C-alpha atoms as a PDB file:
ATOM      1  CA  MET A   1      19.852 195.182  20.324  1.00  0.00           C
ATOM      2  CA  VAL A   2      19.286 191.618  21.564  1.00  0.00           C
ATOM      3  CA  LYS A   3      15.974 192.943  23.067  1.00  0.00           C
ATOM      4  CA  ASP A   4      14.948 194.538  19.821  1.00  0.00           C
ATOM      5  CA  LYS A   5      15.423 191.394  18.021  1.00  0.00           C
ATOM      6  CA  ARG A   6      13.949 189.356  20.326  1.00  0.00           C
ATOM      7  CA  LYS A   7      10.710 191.835  20.189  1.00  0.00           C
ATOM      8  CA  SER A   8      10.859 191.923  16.255  1.00  0.00           C
ATOM      9  CA  LEU A   9      10.775 188.070  16.528  1.00  0.00           C
ATOM     10  CA  GLY A  10       7.692 188.230  19.168  1.00  0.00           C
ATOM     11  CA  ARG A  11       5.788 190.748  17.007  1.00  0.00           C
ATOM     12  CA  SER A  12       6.477 188.729  14.001  1.00  0.00           C
ATOM     13  CA  GLY A  13       5.056 185.520  15.551  1.00  0.00           C
ATOM     14  CA  GLU A  14       2.133 187.257  16.771  1.00  0.00           C
ATOM     15  CA  ASP A  15       1.317 188.557  13.453  1.00  0.00           C
ATOM     16  CA  ARG A  16       1.493 184.647  12.019  1.00  0.00           C
ATOM     17  CA  ALA A  17      -0.751 183.282  15.044  1.00  0.00           C
ATOM     18  CA  CYS A  18      -3.142 185.790  14.118  1.00  0.00           C
ATOM     19  CA  GLU A  19      -3.262 184.824  10.395  1.00  0.00           C
ATOM     20  CA  PHE A  20      -3.072 181.268  11.354  1.00  0.00           C
ATOM     21  CA  LEU A  21      -6.213 181.632  13.940  1.00  0.00           C
ATOM     22  CA  GLU A  22      -8.238 183.810  11.512  1.00  0.00           C
ATOM     23  CA  SER A  23      -7.765 181.182   8.629  1.00  0.00           C
ATOM     24  CA  ARG A  24      -9.259 178.510  10.801  1.00  0.00           C
ATOM     25  CA  GLY A  25     -12.433 180.612  11.738  1.00  0.00           C
ATOM     26  CA  TYR A  26     -11.187 182.724  14.858  1.00  0.00           C
ATOM     27  CA  LYS A  27     -12.267 186.229  15.165  1.00  0.00           C
ATOM     28  CA  ILE A  28      -9.582 188.312  16.842  1.00  0.00           C
ATOM     29  CA  ILE A  29     -11.064 190.443  19.268  1.00  0.00           C
ATOM     30  CA  GLU A  30      -7.841 192.074  20.984  1.00  0.00           C
ATOM     31  CA  ARG A  31      -4.077 191.854  20.857  1.00  0.00           C
ATOM     32  CA  ASN A  32      -1.488 192.786  23.540  1.00  0.00           C
ATOM     33  CA  PHE A  33      -4.402 193.458  26.120  1.00  0.00           C
ATOM     34  CA  ARG A  34      -2.295 194.521  29.359  1.00  0.00           C
ATOM     35  CA  LEU A  35      -3.418 194.551  32.806  1.00  0.00           C
ATOM     36  CA  ARG A  36      -1.303 195.205  35.943  1.00  0.00           C
ATOM     37  CA  GLN A  37      -0.616 191.423  36.166  1.00  0.00           C
ATOM     38  CA  GLY A  38       0.889 191.302  32.596  1.00  0.00           C
ATOM     39  CA  GLU A  39      -0.290 190.887  29.021  1.00  0.00           C
ATOM     40  CA  VAL A  40      -2.602 188.544  27.236  1.00  0.00           C
ATOM     41  CA  ASP A  41      -0.901 188.128  23.266  1.00  0.00           C
ATOM     42  CA  ILE A  42      -3.900 187.314  21.627  1.00  0.00           C
ATOM     43  CA  ILE A  43      -7.846 187.235  22.610  1.00  0.00           C
ATOM     44  CA  ALA A  44     -10.074 185.575  20.175  1.00  0.00           C
ATOM     45  CA  GLU A  45     -13.473 184.211  19.502  1.00  0.00           C
ATOM     46  CA  LYS A  46     -14.619 181.047  17.759  1.00  0.00           C
ATOM     47  CA  ASP A  47     -17.753 179.029  18.375  1.00  0.00           C
ATOM     48  CA  GLU A  48     -19.078 181.155  21.436  1.00  0.00           C
ATOM     49  CA  ILE A  49     -15.830 180.468  23.354  1.00  0.00           C
ATOM     50  CA  ILE A  50     -13.141 182.966  24.025  1.00  0.00           C
ATOM     51  CA  PHE A  51      -9.763 182.131  23.446  1.00  0.00           C
ATOM     52  CA  PHE A  52      -6.842 183.651  25.447  1.00  0.00           C
ATOM     53  CA  VAL A  53      -3.855 182.853  23.641  1.00  0.00           C
ATOM     54  CA  GLU A  54      -0.181 183.181  24.844  1.00  0.00           C
ATOM     55  CA  VAL A  55       2.260 183.106  21.803  1.00  0.00           C
ATOM     56  CA  LYS A  56       5.596 181.458  22.242  1.00  0.00           C
ATOM     57  CA  THR A  57       7.819 182.070  19.123  1.00  0.00           C
ATOM     58  CA  ARG A  58      11.288 180.467  19.110  1.00  0.00           C
ATOM     59  CA  HIS A  59      13.969 180.010  16.244  1.00  0.00           C
ATOM     60  CA  GLU A  60      14.384 176.438  17.641  1.00  0.00           C
ATOM     61  CA  GLY A  61      14.026 174.447  20.972  1.00  0.00           C
ATOM     62  CA  GLU A  62      10.910 174.537  23.203  1.00  0.00           C
ATOM     63  CA  GLY A  63       7.694 175.738  22.247  1.00  0.00           C
ATOM     64  CA  ILE A  64       4.486 174.765  24.141  1.00  0.00           C
ATOM     65  CA  GLU A  65       6.569 172.980  26.568  1.00  0.00           C
ATOM     66  CA  PHE A  66       8.397 176.134  27.746  1.00  0.00           C
ATOM     67  CA  TYR A  67       5.037 177.332  28.859  1.00  0.00           C
ATOM     68  CA  SER A  68       5.109 176.957  32.715  1.00  0.00           C
ATOM     69  CA  GLN A  69       2.435 176.330  35.375  1.00  0.00           C
ATOM     70  CA  LYS A  70       3.257 179.908  36.663  1.00  0.00           C
ATOM     71  CA  GLN A  71       2.617 181.513  33.472  1.00  0.00           C
ATOM     72  CA  ARG A  72      -0.680 179.641  32.932  1.00  0.00           C
ATOM     73  CA  SER A  73      -1.876 180.603  36.152  1.00  0.00           C
ATOM     74  CA  ARG A  74      -1.308 184.158  35.676  1.00  0.00           C
ATOM     75  CA  LEU A  75      -3.076 184.103  32.136  1.00  0.00           C
ATOM     76  CA  MET A  76      -5.968 182.196  33.941  1.00  0.00           C
ATOM     77  CA  ASN A  77      -6.409 185.035  36.527  1.00  0.00           C
ATOM     78  CA  MET A  78      -6.059 187.654  33.498  1.00  0.00           C
ATOM     79  CA  ALA A  79      -8.625 185.833  31.714  1.00  0.00           C
ATOM     80  CA  GLU A  80     -10.967 185.883  34.489  1.00  0.00           C
ATOM     81  CA  ALA A  81     -10.255 189.582  35.237  1.00  0.00           C
ATOM     82  CA  TYR A  82     -11.104 190.314  31.449  1.00  0.00           C
ATOM     83  CA  LEU A  83     -14.396 188.429  31.095  1.00  0.00           C
ATOM     84  CA  ALA A  84     -15.803 189.782  34.789  1.00  0.00           C
ATOM     85  CA  GLY A  85     -14.543 193.277  33.673  1.00  0.00           C
ATOM     86  CA  LYS A  86     -16.472 193.214  30.125  1.00  0.00           C
ATOM     87  CA  ASN A  87     -19.220 191.323  31.509  1.00  0.00           C
ATOM     88  CA  ILE A  88     -18.770 188.471  29.451  1.00  0.00           C
ATOM     89  CA  ASP A  89     -20.474 185.005  30.187  1.00  0.00           C
ATOM     90  CA  LYS A  90     -18.914 182.602  27.911  1.00  0.00           C
ATOM     91  CA  GLN A  91     -16.817 179.571  28.125  1.00  0.00           C
ATOM     92  CA  ALA A  92     -13.273 180.251  28.004  1.00  0.00           C
ATOM     93  CA  SER A  93      -9.900 178.714  27.109  1.00  0.00           C
ATOM     94  CA  ILE A  94      -6.415 179.442  27.752  1.00  0.00           C
ATOM     95  CA  SER A  95      -4.268 178.430  24.834  1.00  0.00           C
ATOM     96  CA  VAL A  96      -0.798 178.330  23.940  1.00  0.00           C
ATOM     97  CA  LEU A  97       0.152 178.663  20.384  1.00  0.00           C
ATOM     98  CA  SER A  98       4.052 177.749  19.612  1.00  0.00           C
ATOM     99  CA  ILE A  99       5.861 178.930  16.421  1.00  0.00           C
ATOM    100  CA  LYS A 100       9.065 177.161  15.999  1.00  0.00           C
ATOM    101  CA  GLY A 101      11.419 178.591  12.848  1.00  0.00           C
ATOM    102  CA  ASN A 102      11.246 181.715  11.344  1.00  0.00           C
ATOM    103  CA  PRO A 103       8.036 183.468  11.352  1.00  0.00           C
ATOM    104  CA  ASP A 104       9.071 185.516   8.460  1.00  0.00           C
ATOM    105  CA  ALA A 105       9.875 182.305   6.036  1.00  0.00           C
ATOM    106  CA  GLU A 106       9.533 178.721   7.372  1.00  0.00           C
ATOM    107  CA  PHE A 107       8.121 177.656  10.268  1.00  0.00           C
ATOM    108  CA  GLN A 108       5.664 175.232  12.257  1.00  0.00           C
ATOM    109  CA  ILE A 109       2.885 176.070  14.373  1.00  0.00           C
ATOM    110  CA  GLU A 110       1.178 174.055  17.212  1.00  0.00           C
ATOM    111  CA  LEU A 111      -1.903 174.999  19.311  1.00  0.00           C
ATOM    112  CA  LEU A 112      -3.043 173.615  22.543  1.00  0.00           C
ATOM    113  CA  HIS A 113      -6.081 174.549  24.355  1.00  0.00           C
ATOM    114  CA  ASP A 114      -6.954 174.094  27.926  1.00  0.00           C
ATOM    115  CA  ASN A 115     -10.594 174.899  28.284  1.00  0.00           C
ATOM    116  CA  PHE A 116     -12.020 176.175  31.691  1.00  0.00           C
END
């Protein structure tokens, strides 16, 4: 039951994240892209830059600060594998999008980019 609630919160957060990004001119390329190392929540493009976005949805408490160095490293490895596998030669960014509150009601969004 708790796992289903958490999954539902995450899915709702990712939906809001896509809406947020699209409203700012990002084109969503893929959602929930999986490799054996894990999953990238959102892959988007804007201004010839590919963004690999980790979405952190919390009712309250930590958001971006909850994103660890280990998670960043895993996401960077997955981004490199994605770019190489698709033969894409563009600048990329590891990004974290934090949603605090209820994504179906009132919430705040914070976006942080870490280009590489």
